[in-house]
Amino acid sequence: MAISSELGDRRQVSIPQGTIEYRERGTGDPILFIHGALVNADLWRKVVPPLSKDFRCIAPDLPLGCHDHPLRADADMSPAGAAKLIADFMAALDLENVTLVGNDTGGALCQLVVTNHPERIGRLVLTNCDAYDHFPPLLFKYLVVGAWIPGFLWAMLAPTRFAAIRRSPIAFGWLSKRGIPDEITASWGRTARSSRGARRDLTKLLRKARARQLHAAAERFGQFDKPVLIAWGTEKDLFPIEDGERLARDFPQGRLERIEDSYTFVSEDQPERLANLIAELARQPAAAATA
């Protein structure tokens, strides 16, 4: 459950796959924030407030392990299915000209959205995320193998009730240079541990995560001829800067901004810098020509 009041009003919407809870703040053109596995919308709690002065900021708790409303048992949560879920969420809210922002696993899903369901997307922002061969990154590949073992996710998550474990490299320790407040990571771990349905939804995604899916998406990046910002933290990253450079080259209007003094969670380490970059991009016309 997202616990941060900075994200705005808590709301729910029904889509074919189930109920999605989200937070909304501000008015104007929409910015949609997509988090990764085993976190929730609180990842964006430092970025939404400055952006909400000029934009409608929407941050859903997606069914990636830390969500309060499990999907229907038959919901498709393969990577392609999760991308379709994001598209259905946008349709349910009637969002148009969306600036789509993704991080970590959420960045991989954004790549699938813009190549399979681009109709409502006006711009794309990718911070450090899965791409090409890194789906998932090497440090977390054990999750894909473990997802096939009954009870694995619960056993893996059980120790996260201890703050020291949550701060370790196998959890959130190498994702933020400055550290994430214990009350935030405690919320992430508690939700994932307590909900069998939430673990089921995440397990579906992990079992189907394959690098070939992102390579197939990359072959169609050329069809998304709209502004794309790659905002990549440069320090001790699970996702190499070379992937960020390649993403910027492969999108027709791709542009790379290196974010110094930041790990994977740029929204934690450099929220002001990231918010300014997102705002700059969101003000660009969706059909802007390449500079």
C-alpha atoms as a PDB file:
ATOM      1  CA  MET A   1       0.000   0.000   0.000  1.00  0.00           C
ATOM      2  CA  ALA A   2       1.345   3.419  -0.922  1.00  0.00           C
ATOM      3  CA  ILE A   3       1.744   5.366   2.309  1.00  0.00           C
ATOM      4  CA  SER A   4       3.035   8.726   1.109  1.00  0.00           C
ATOM      5  CA  SER A   5       0.584  11.651   1.191  1.00  0.00           C
ATOM      6  CA  GLU A   6       2.806  13.537  -1.275  1.00  0.00           C
ATOM      7  CA  LEU A   7       1.381  11.409  -4.081  1.00  0.00           C
ATOM      8  CA  GLY A   8      -2.107  12.880  -3.761  1.00  0.00           C
ATOM      9  CA  ASP A   9      -5.578  11.424  -3.412  1.00  0.00           C
ATOM     10  CA  ARG A  10      -5.994   7.655  -3.267  1.00  0.00           C
ATOM     11  CA  ARG A  11      -8.341   6.294  -5.948  1.00  0.00           C
ATOM     12  CA  GLN A  12      -9.321   3.005  -7.578  1.00  0.00           C
ATOM     13  CA  VAL A  13     -10.303   1.974 -11.083  1.00  0.00           C
ATOM     14  CA  SER A  14     -11.633  -1.315 -12.447  1.00  0.00           C
ATOM     15  CA  ILE A  15     -10.108  -2.796 -15.585  1.00  0.00           C
ATOM     16  CA  PRO A  16     -10.657  -6.244 -17.113  1.00  0.00           C
ATOM     17  CA  GLN A  17      -7.784  -7.736 -15.107  1.00  0.00           C
ATOM     18  CA  GLY A  18      -9.007  -6.454 -11.721  1.00  0.00           C
ATOM     19  CA  THR A  19      -8.822  -3.362  -9.505  1.00  0.00           C
ATOM     20  CA  ILE A  20      -5.900  -0.947  -9.672  1.00  0.00           C
ATOM     21  CA  GLU A  21      -5.307   1.534  -6.864  1.00  0.00           C
ATOM     22  CA  TYR A  22      -3.546   4.742  -7.762  1.00  0.00           C
ATOM     23  CA  ARG A  23      -2.707   8.177  -6.461  1.00  0.00           C
ATOM     24  CA  GLU A  24      -3.396  11.376  -8.350  1.00  0.00           C
ATOM     25  CA  ARG A  25      -2.240  14.940  -7.834  1.00  0.00           C
ATOM     26  CA  GLY A  26      -2.383  18.074  -9.982  1.00  0.00           C
ATOM     27  CA  THR A  27      -4.042  19.059 -13.235  1.00  0.00           C
ATOM     28  CA  GLY A  28      -2.891  19.438 -16.814  1.00  0.00           C
ATOM     29  CA  ASP A  29      -1.362  17.025 -19.296  1.00  0.00           C
ATOM     30  CA  PRO A  30      -0.943  13.594 -17.700  1.00  0.00           C
ATOM     31  CA  ILE A  31       2.300  12.068 -16.478  1.00  0.00           C
ATOM     32  CA  LEU A  32       2.013   8.366 -15.662  1.00  0.00           C
ATOM     33  CA  PHE A  33       4.631   6.830 -13.347  1.00  0.00           C
ATOM     34  CA  ILE A  34       5.462   3.110 -13.643  1.00  0.00           C
ATOM     35  CA  HIS A  35       7.419   1.502 -10.797  1.00  0.00           C
ATOM     36  CA  GLY A  36       9.219  -1.839 -10.781  1.00  0.00           C
ATOM     37  CA  ALA A  37       8.914  -5.150  -8.973  1.00  0.00           C
ATOM     38  CA  LEU A  38       8.545  -5.325  -5.180  1.00  0.00           C
ATOM     39  CA  VAL A  39       8.005  -1.579  -4.765  1.00  0.00           C
ATOM     40  CA  ASN A  40       4.941   0.611  -5.264  1.00  0.00           C
ATOM     41  CA  ALA A  41       3.967   4.182  -6.112  1.00  0.00           C
ATOM     42  CA  ASP A  42       5.891   5.521  -3.099  1.00  0.00           C
ATOM     43  CA  LEU A  43       8.962   5.312  -5.329  1.00  0.00           C
ATOM     44  CA  TRP A  44       7.778   8.582  -6.907  1.00  0.00           C
ATOM     45  CA  ARG A  45       6.854  10.478  -3.719  1.00  0.00           C
ATOM     46  CA  LYS A  46       9.706  13.029  -4.133  1.00  0.00           C
ATOM     47  CA  VAL A  47       9.115  13.657  -7.838  1.00  0.00           C
ATOM     48  CA  VAL A  48       5.339  14.093  -7.983  1.00  0.00           C
ATOM     49  CA  PRO A  49       4.952  17.236  -5.787  1.00  0.00           C
ATOM     50  CA  PRO A  50       7.001  19.628  -7.959  1.00  0.00           C
ATOM     51  CA  LEU A  51       5.535  18.223 -11.172  1.00  0.00           C
ATOM     52  CA  SER A  52       1.948  18.391  -9.911  1.00  0.00           C
ATOM     53  CA  LYS A  53       2.096  22.192 -10.029  1.00  0.00           C
ATOM     54  CA  ASP A  54       1.812  22.006 -13.821  1.00  0.00           C
ATOM     55  CA  PHE A  55       0.787  18.439 -14.672  1.00  0.00           C
ATOM     56  CA  ARG A  56      -1.693  15.743 -13.725  1.00  0.00           C
ATOM     57  CA  CYS A  57       0.509  13.158 -11.991  1.00  0.00           C
ATOM     58  CA  ILE A  58      -0.812   9.596 -11.747  1.00  0.00           C
ATOM     59  CA  ALA A  59       1.086   6.928  -9.803  1.00  0.00           C
ATOM     60  CA  PRO A  60      -0.556   3.480  -9.688  1.00  0.00           C
ATOM     61  CA  ASP A  61       0.301   0.594  -7.389  1.00  0.00           C
ATOM     62  CA  LEU A  62       0.806  -1.949 -10.138  1.00  0.00           C
ATOM     63  CA  PRO A  63       0.454  -5.721  -9.549  1.00  0.00           C
ATOM     64  CA  LEU A  64       4.195  -6.268  -9.126  1.00  0.00           C
ATOM     65  CA  GLY A  65       4.195  -7.686  -5.604  1.00  0.00           C
ATOM     66  CA  CYS A  66       3.406  -4.715  -3.342  1.00  0.00           C
ATOM     67  CA  HIS A  67      -0.235  -4.115  -4.258  1.00  0.00           C
ATOM     68  CA  ASP A  68      -3.268  -4.396  -2.007  1.00  0.00           C
ATOM     69  CA  HIS A  69      -5.716  -5.634  -4.657  1.00  0.00           C
ATOM     70  CA  PRO A  70      -4.681  -8.921  -6.311  1.00  0.00           C
ATOM     71  CA  LEU A  71      -5.836  -9.338  -9.874  1.00  0.00           C
ATOM     72  CA  ARG A  72      -8.310 -11.906 -11.084  1.00  0.00           C
ATOM     73  CA  ALA A  73      -6.799 -15.383 -10.890  1.00  0.00           C
ATOM     74  CA  ASP A  74      -6.864 -15.711 -14.688  1.00  0.00           C
ATOM     75  CA  ALA A  75      -5.303 -12.314 -15.402  1.00  0.00           C
ATOM     76  CA  ASP A  76      -2.378 -12.329 -17.827  1.00  0.00           C
ATOM     77  CA  MET A  77       0.692 -11.021 -15.990  1.00  0.00           C
ATOM     78  CA  SER A  78       3.302 -12.031 -18.494  1.00  0.00           C
ATOM     79  CA  PRO A  79       5.405  -9.005 -19.503  1.00  0.00           C
ATOM     80  CA  ALA A  80       3.190  -8.534 -22.573  1.00  0.00           C
ATOM     81  CA  GLY A  81       0.098  -8.935 -20.387  1.00  0.00           C
ATOM     82  CA  ALA A  82       1.408  -6.377 -17.896  1.00  0.00           C
ATOM     83  CA  ALA A  83       1.977  -3.911 -20.740  1.00  0.00           C
ATOM     84  CA  LYS A  84      -1.616  -4.510 -21.865  1.00  0.00           C
ATOM     85  CA  LEU A  85      -2.743  -3.866 -18.270  1.00  0.00           C
ATOM     86  CA  ILE A  86      -1.010  -0.465 -18.328  1.00  0.00           C
ATOM     87  CA  ALA A  87      -2.712   0.314 -21.642  1.00  0.00           C
ATOM     88  CA  ASP A  88      -6.077  -0.717 -20.173  1.00  0.00           C
ATOM     89  CA  PHE A  89      -5.422   1.487 -17.128  1.00  0.00           C
ATOM     90  CA  MET A  90      -4.811   4.492 -19.383  1.00  0.00           C
ATOM     91  CA  ALA A  91      -7.964   3.710 -21.337  1.00  0.00           C
ATOM     92  CA  ALA A  92     -10.032   3.416 -18.149  1.00  0.00           C
ATOM     93  CA  LEU A  93      -8.883   6.900 -17.097  1.00  0.00           C
ATOM     94  CA  ASP A  94      -9.252   8.185 -20.674  1.00  0.00           C
ATOM     95  CA  LEU A  95      -5.683   9.478 -20.680  1.00  0.00           C
ATOM     96  CA  GLU A  96      -4.285  11.034 -23.854  1.00  0.00           C
ATOM     97  CA  ASN A  97      -0.936  12.591 -24.742  1.00  0.00           C
ATOM     98  CA  VAL A  98       0.649  10.769 -21.803  1.00  0.00           C
ATOM     99  CA  THR A  99       4.218  11.284 -20.673  1.00  0.00           C
ATOM    100  CA  LEU A 100       5.108   7.752 -19.585  1.00  0.00           C
ATOM    101  CA  VAL A 101       7.857   7.432 -16.942  1.00  0.00           C
ATOM    102  CA  GLY A 102       9.383   4.075 -15.994  1.00  0.00           C
ATOM    103  CA  ASN A 103      12.057   2.712 -13.674  1.00  0.00           C
ATOM    104  CA  ASP A 104      13.555  -0.755 -13.120  1.00  0.00           C
ATOM    105  CA  THR A 105      11.091  -3.495 -14.177  1.00  0.00           C
ATOM    106  CA  GLY A 106       8.607  -0.718 -14.919  1.00  0.00           C
ATOM    107  CA  GLY A 107      10.975   0.634 -17.560  1.00  0.00           C
ATOM    108  CA  ALA A 108      10.915  -2.738 -19.309  1.00  0.00           C
ATOM    109  CA  LEU A 109       7.116  -2.658 -19.295  1.00  0.00           C
ATOM    110  CA  CYS A 110       7.165   0.889 -20.706  1.00  0.00           C
ATOM    111  CA  GLN A 111       9.247  -0.353 -23.633  1.00  0.00           C
ATOM    112  CA  LEU A 112       6.552  -2.953 -24.330  1.00  0.00           C
ATOM    113  CA  VAL A 113       3.812  -0.336 -23.975  1.00  0.00           C
ATOM    114  CA  VAL A 114       5.298   2.095 -26.513  1.00  0.00           C
ATOM    115  CA  THR A 115       5.926  -0.692 -29.036  1.00  0.00           C
ATOM    116  CA  ASN A 116       2.630  -2.586 -28.572  1.00  0.00           C
ATOM    117  CA  HIS A 117       0.167   0.057 -27.312  1.00  0.00           C
ATOM    118  CA  PRO A 118       1.550   3.490 -28.302  1.00  0.00           C
ATOM    119  CA  GLU A 119      -1.750   5.193 -29.100  1.00  0.00           C
ATOM    120  CA  ARG A 120      -2.072   7.214 -25.884  1.00  0.00           C
ATOM    121  CA  ILE A 121       1.639   7.933 -25.379  1.00  0.00           C
ATOM    122  CA  GLY A 122       3.055  11.336 -26.280  1.00  0.00           C
ATOM    123  CA  ARG A 123       6.509  11.013 -24.710  1.00  0.00           C
ATOM    124  CA  LEU A 124       8.633   8.472 -22.870  1.00  0.00           C
ATOM    125  CA  VAL A 125      11.058   8.812 -19.949  1.00  0.00           C
ATOM    126  CA  LEU A 126      13.185   5.835 -18.928  1.00  0.00           C
ATOM    127  CA  THR A 127      15.318   5.955 -15.826  1.00  0.00           C
ATOM    128  CA  ASN A 128      17.646   3.063 -14.978  1.00  0.00           C
ATOM    129  CA  CYS A 129      15.759  -0.042 -16.063  1.00  0.00           C
ATOM    130  CA  ASP A 130      15.805  -3.474 -17.635  1.00  0.00           C
ATOM    131  CA  ALA A 131      16.756  -3.394 -21.311  1.00  0.00           C
ATOM    132  CA  TYR A 132      18.193  -5.695 -23.942  1.00  0.00           C
ATOM    133  CA  ASP A 133      20.055  -8.575 -22.198  1.00  0.00           C
ATOM    134  CA  HIS A 134      19.333  -7.338 -18.673  1.00  0.00           C
ATOM    135  CA  PHE A 135      15.830  -8.628 -17.961  1.00  0.00           C
ATOM    136  CA  PRO A 136      16.157  -9.086 -15.064  1.00  0.00           C
ATOM    137  CA  PRO A 137      19.618  -7.760 -14.094  1.00  0.00           C
ATOM    138  CA  LEU A 138      22.239 -10.324 -13.103  1.00  0.00           C
ATOM    139  CA  LEU A 139      21.962  -9.638  -9.350  1.00  0.00           C
ATOM    140  CA  PHE A 140      18.262 -10.561  -9.387  1.00  0.00           C
ATOM    141  CA  LYS A 141      18.173 -13.392 -11.932  1.00  0.00           C
ATOM    142  CA  TYR A 142      17.698 -15.811  -9.045  1.00  0.00           C
ATOM    143  CA  LEU A 143      14.133 -14.465  -8.778  1.00  0.00           C
ATOM    144  CA  VAL A 144      13.243 -15.883 -12.201  1.00  0.00           C
ATOM    145  CA  VAL A 145      14.562 -19.320 -11.234  1.00  0.00           C
ATOM    146  CA  GLY A 146      13.053 -19.178  -7.751  1.00  0.00           C
ATOM    147  CA  ALA A 147       9.626 -18.174  -9.065  1.00  0.00           C
ATOM    148  CA  TRP A 148       9.170 -21.767 -10.241  1.00  0.00           C
ATOM    149  CA  ILE A 149       9.683 -23.131  -6.711  1.00  0.00           C
ATOM    150  CA  PRO A 150       6.508 -23.231  -4.576  1.00  0.00           C
ATOM    151  CA  GLY A 151       6.816 -20.941  -1.563  1.00  0.00           C
ATOM    152  CA  PHE A 152      10.070 -19.392  -2.775  1.00  0.00           C
ATOM    153  CA  LEU A 153       8.889 -15.787  -2.856  1.00  0.00           C
ATOM    154  CA  TRP A 154       7.432 -15.944   0.643  1.00  0.00           C
ATOM    155  CA  ALA A 155      10.615 -17.531   2.025  1.00  0.00           C
ATOM    156  CA  MET A 156      12.757 -14.923   0.280  1.00  0.00           C
ATOM    157  CA  LEU A 157      10.616 -12.055   1.542  1.00  0.00           C
ATOM    158  CA  ALA A 158      10.231 -13.275   5.137  1.00  0.00           C
ATOM    159  CA  PRO A 159      13.579 -11.797   6.302  1.00  0.00           C
ATOM    160  CA  THR A 160      12.632  -8.370   4.932  1.00  0.00           C
ATOM    161  CA  ARG A 161      10.751  -7.707   8.156  1.00  0.00           C
ATOM    162  CA  PHE A 162      14.206  -6.745   9.457  1.00  0.00           C
ATOM    163  CA  ALA A 163      15.492  -3.313   8.434  1.00  0.00           C
ATOM    164  CA  ALA A 164      19.079  -4.567   8.154  1.00  0.00           C
ATOM    165  CA  ILE A 165      18.047  -7.080   5.498  1.00  0.00           C
ATOM    166  CA  ARG A 166      16.100  -4.455   3.567  1.00  0.00           C
ATOM    167  CA  ARG A 167      19.232  -2.279   3.508  1.00  0.00           C
ATOM    168  CA  SER A 168      21.400  -5.104   2.140  1.00  0.00           C
ATOM    169  CA  PRO A 169      22.473  -5.476  -1.520  1.00  0.00           C
ATOM    170  CA  ILE A 170      20.100  -8.421  -2.048  1.00  0.00           C
ATOM    171  CA  ALA A 171      17.154  -6.147  -1.228  1.00  0.00           C
ATOM    172  CA  PHE A 172      17.186  -2.334  -1.606  1.00  0.00           C
ATOM    173  CA  GLY A 173      20.731  -1.510  -0.474  1.00  0.00           C
ATOM    174  CA  TRP A 174      22.243  -0.973  -3.911  1.00  0.00           C
ATOM    175  CA  LEU A 175      19.244   0.777  -5.434  1.00  0.00           C
ATOM    176  CA  SER A 176      19.627   4.150  -3.700  1.00  0.00           C
ATOM    177  CA  LYS A 177      22.871   5.893  -2.819  1.00  0.00           C
ATOM    178  CA  ARG A 178      21.315   7.823   0.042  1.00  0.00           C
ATOM    179  CA  GLY A 179      19.168   5.026   1.369  1.00  0.00           C
ATOM    180  CA  ILE A 180      15.397   4.690   1.450  1.00  0.00           C
ATOM    181  CA  PRO A 181      13.496   5.480   4.677  1.00  0.00           C
ATOM    182  CA  ASP A 182      12.768   2.367   6.706  1.00  0.00           C
ATOM    183  CA  GLU A 183       9.049   3.113   6.854  1.00  0.00           C
ATOM    184  CA  ILE A 184       8.896   3.018   3.041  1.00  0.00           C
ATOM    185  CA  THR A 185      10.812  -0.241   2.598  1.00  0.00           C
ATOM    186  CA  ALA A 186       8.922  -1.761   5.542  1.00  0.00           C
ATOM    187  CA  SER A 187       5.669  -1.063   3.707  1.00  0.00           C
ATOM    188  CA  TRP A 188       6.986  -2.719   0.544  1.00  0.00           C
ATOM    189  CA  GLY A 189       8.114  -5.825   2.374  1.00  0.00           C
ATOM    190  CA  ARG A 190       5.017  -6.110   4.558  1.00  0.00           C
ATOM    191  CA  THR A 191       2.607  -5.988   1.642  1.00  0.00           C
ATOM    192  CA  ALA A 192       4.536  -8.545  -0.381  1.00  0.00           C
ATOM    193  CA  ARG A 193       4.861 -10.921   2.571  1.00  0.00           C
ATOM    194  CA  SER A 194       1.234 -10.757   3.650  1.00  0.00           C
ATOM    195  CA  SER A 195      -0.642 -11.222   0.370  1.00  0.00           C
ATOM    196  CA  ARG A 196      -0.667 -14.588  -1.378  1.00  0.00           C
ATOM    197  CA  GLY A 197      -2.515 -12.989  -4.306  1.00  0.00           C
ATOM    198  CA  ALA A 198       0.122 -10.269  -4.693  1.00  0.00           C
ATOM    199  CA  ARG A 199       2.879 -12.888  -4.762  1.00  0.00           C
ATOM    200  CA  ARG A 200       0.891 -14.886  -7.324  1.00  0.00           C
ATOM    201  CA  ASP A 201       0.651 -11.870  -9.648  1.00  0.00           C
ATOM    202  CA  LEU A 202       4.387 -11.182  -9.398  1.00  0.00           C
ATOM    203  CA  THR A 203       5.250 -14.848  -9.874  1.00  0.00           C
ATOM    204  CA  LYS A 204       3.430 -14.853 -13.206  1.00  0.00           C
ATOM    205  CA  LEU A 205       5.604 -11.983 -14.424  1.00  0.00           C
ATOM    206  CA  LEU A 206       8.874 -13.457 -13.167  1.00  0.00           C
ATOM    207  CA  ARG A 207       8.240 -16.830 -14.766  1.00  0.00           C
ATOM    208  CA  LYS A 208       7.814 -15.228 -18.190  1.00  0.00           C
ATOM    209  CA  ALA A 209      10.545 -12.553 -18.020  1.00  0.00           C
ATOM    210  CA  ARG A 210      13.014 -13.152 -20.851  1.00  0.00           C
ATOM    211  CA  ALA A 211      15.582 -10.919 -22.523  1.00  0.00           C
ATOM    212  CA  ARG A 212      14.269 -11.879 -25.961  1.00  0.00           C
ATOM    213  CA  GLN A 213      11.084  -9.950 -25.208  1.00  0.00           C
ATOM    214  CA  LEU A 214      12.994  -6.709 -24.794  1.00  0.00           C
ATOM    215  CA  HIS A 215      15.148  -7.438 -27.846  1.00  0.00           C
ATOM    216  CA  ALA A 216      11.947  -7.895 -29.865  1.00  0.00           C
ATOM    217  CA  ALA A 217      10.634  -4.566 -28.545  1.00  0.00           C
ATOM    218  CA  ALA A 218      13.934  -2.865 -29.395  1.00  0.00           C
ATOM    219  CA  GLU A 219      13.562  -3.921 -33.014  1.00  0.00           C
ATOM    220  CA  ARG A 220      10.462  -1.691 -33.154  1.00  0.00           C
ATOM    221  CA  PHE A 221      11.789   1.350 -31.280  1.00  0.00           C
ATOM    222  CA  GLY A 222      12.141   3.082 -34.644  1.00  0.00           C
ATOM    223  CA  GLN A 223       8.352   3.171 -34.964  1.00  0.00           C
ATOM    224  CA  PHE A 224       8.016   5.340 -31.825  1.00  0.00           C
ATOM    225  CA  ASP A 225       9.013   8.670 -33.342  1.00  0.00           C
ATOM    226  CA  LYS A 226       8.196  10.840 -30.338  1.00  0.00           C
ATOM    227  CA  PRO A 227      10.352  12.565 -27.700  1.00  0.00           C
ATOM    228  CA  VAL A 228      12.241  10.083 -25.504  1.00  0.00           C
ATOM    229  CA  LEU A 229      14.419  10.953 -22.517  1.00  0.00           C
ATOM    230  CA  ILE A 230      16.834   8.438 -21.023  1.00  0.00           C
ATOM    231  CA  ALA A 231      17.680   9.766 -17.530  1.00  0.00           C
ATOM    232  CA  TRP A 232      20.317   7.360 -16.219  1.00  0.00           C
ATOM    233  CA  GLY A 233      21.978   7.308 -12.823  1.00  0.00           C
ATOM    234  CA  THR A 234      25.673   6.625 -13.315  1.00  0.00           C
ATOM    235  CA  GLU A 235      26.925   5.144 -10.029  1.00  0.00           C
ATOM    236  CA  LYS A 236      27.034   1.484  -8.892  1.00  0.00           C
ATOM    237  CA  ASP A 237      24.185   0.607 -11.140  1.00  0.00           C
ATOM    238  CA  LEU A 238      22.560  -2.736 -11.781  1.00  0.00           C
ATOM    239  CA  PHE A 239      21.846  -1.527 -15.305  1.00  0.00           C
ATOM    240  CA  PRO A 240      24.949  -0.480 -17.263  1.00  0.00           C
ATOM    241  CA  ILE A 241      25.208   2.989 -18.731  1.00  0.00           C
ATOM    242  CA  GLU A 242      25.829   1.300 -22.072  1.00  0.00           C
ATOM    243  CA  ASP A 243      22.181   0.213 -22.063  1.00  0.00           C
ATOM    244  CA  GLY A 244      21.117   3.807 -21.530  1.00  0.00           C
ATOM    245  CA  GLU A 245      23.333   4.966 -24.365  1.00  0.00           C
ATOM    246  CA  ARG A 246      21.939   2.261 -26.645  1.00  0.00           C
ATOM    247  CA  LEU A 247      18.338   3.155 -25.791  1.00  0.00           C
ATOM    248  CA  ALA A 248      19.013   6.799 -26.642  1.00  0.00           C
ATOM    249  CA  ARG A 249      20.444   5.745 -30.016  1.00  0.00           C
ATOM    250  CA  ASP A 250      17.699   3.270 -30.874  1.00  0.00           C
ATOM    251  CA  PHE A 251      14.753   5.632 -30.386  1.00  0.00           C
ATOM    252  CA  PRO A 252      14.502   8.147 -33.282  1.00  0.00           C
ATOM    253  CA  GLN A 253      14.110  11.053 -30.841  1.00  0.00           C
ATOM    254  CA  GLY A 254      16.099   9.550 -27.980  1.00  0.00           C
ATOM    255  CA  ARG A 255      18.248  11.737 -25.747  1.00  0.00           C
ATOM    256  CA  LEU A 256      20.496  10.624 -22.881  1.00  0.00           C
ATOM    257  CA  GLU A 257      20.968  12.627 -19.695  1.00  0.00           C
ATOM    258  CA  ARG A 258      23.505  11.190 -17.274  1.00  0.00           C
ATOM    259  CA  ILE A 259      22.393  11.688 -13.670  1.00  0.00           C
ATOM    260  CA  GLU A 260      25.477  11.986 -11.493  1.00  0.00           C
ATOM    261  CA  ASP A 261      25.514  11.058  -7.813  1.00  0.00           C
ATOM    262  CA  SER A 262      22.703   8.521  -8.227  1.00  0.00           C
ATOM    263  CA  TYR A 263      22.120   4.777  -8.238  1.00  0.00           C
ATOM    264  CA  THR A 264      19.197   2.961  -9.922  1.00  0.00           C
ATOM    265  CA  PHE A 265      16.439   4.791  -8.031  1.00  0.00           C
ATOM    266  CA  VAL A 266      17.053   8.239  -9.517  1.00  0.00           C
ATOM    267  CA  SER A 267      13.763   9.377  -7.997  1.00  0.00           C
ATOM    268  CA  GLU A 268      15.287   8.775  -4.558  1.00  0.00           C
ATOM    269  CA  ASP A 269      18.779  10.137  -5.139  1.00  0.00           C
ATOM    270  CA  GLN A 270      18.193  13.051  -7.523  1.00  0.00           C
ATOM    271  CA  PRO A 271      14.446  13.836  -7.443  1.00  0.00           C
ATOM    272  CA  GLU A 272      14.770  17.546  -8.219  1.00  0.00           C
ATOM    273  CA  ARG A 273      16.999  16.907 -11.230  1.00  0.00           C
ATOM    274  CA  LEU A 274      14.680  14.182 -12.486  1.00  0.00           C
ATOM    275  CA  ALA A 275      11.549  16.287 -11.990  1.00  0.00           C
ATOM    276  CA  ASN A 276      13.081  19.166 -13.952  1.00  0.00           C
ATOM    277  CA  LEU A 277      14.022  16.865 -16.827  1.00  0.00           C
ATOM    278  CA  ILE A 278      10.560  15.284 -16.920  1.00  0.00           C
ATOM    279  CA  ALA A 279       8.891  18.700 -16.902  1.00  0.00           C
ATOM    280  CA  GLU A 280      11.107  19.897 -19.746  1.00  0.00           C
ATOM    281  CA  LEU A 281      10.185  16.865 -21.840  1.00  0.00           C
ATOM    282  CA  ALA A 282       6.477  16.946 -20.934  1.00  0.00           C
ATOM    283  CA  ARG A 283       6.208  20.473 -22.295  1.00  0.00           C
ATOM    284  CA  GLN A 284       7.432  19.357 -25.719  1.00  0.00           C
ATOM    285  CA  PRO A 285       4.792  18.740 -28.405  1.00  0.00           C
ATOM    286  CA  ALA A 286       4.307  15.007 -28.827  1.00  0.00           C
ATOM    287  CA  ALA A 287       4.966  15.269 -32.562  1.00  0.00           C
ATOM    288  CA  ALA A 288       8.068  17.420 -32.179  1.00  0.00           C
ATOM    289  CA  ALA A 289      10.644  16.829 -34.870  1.00  0.00           C
ATOM    290  CA  THR A 290      14.078  15.575 -33.965  1.00  0.00           C
ATOM    291  CA  ALA A 291      16.356  18.486 -33.152  1.00  0.00           C
END
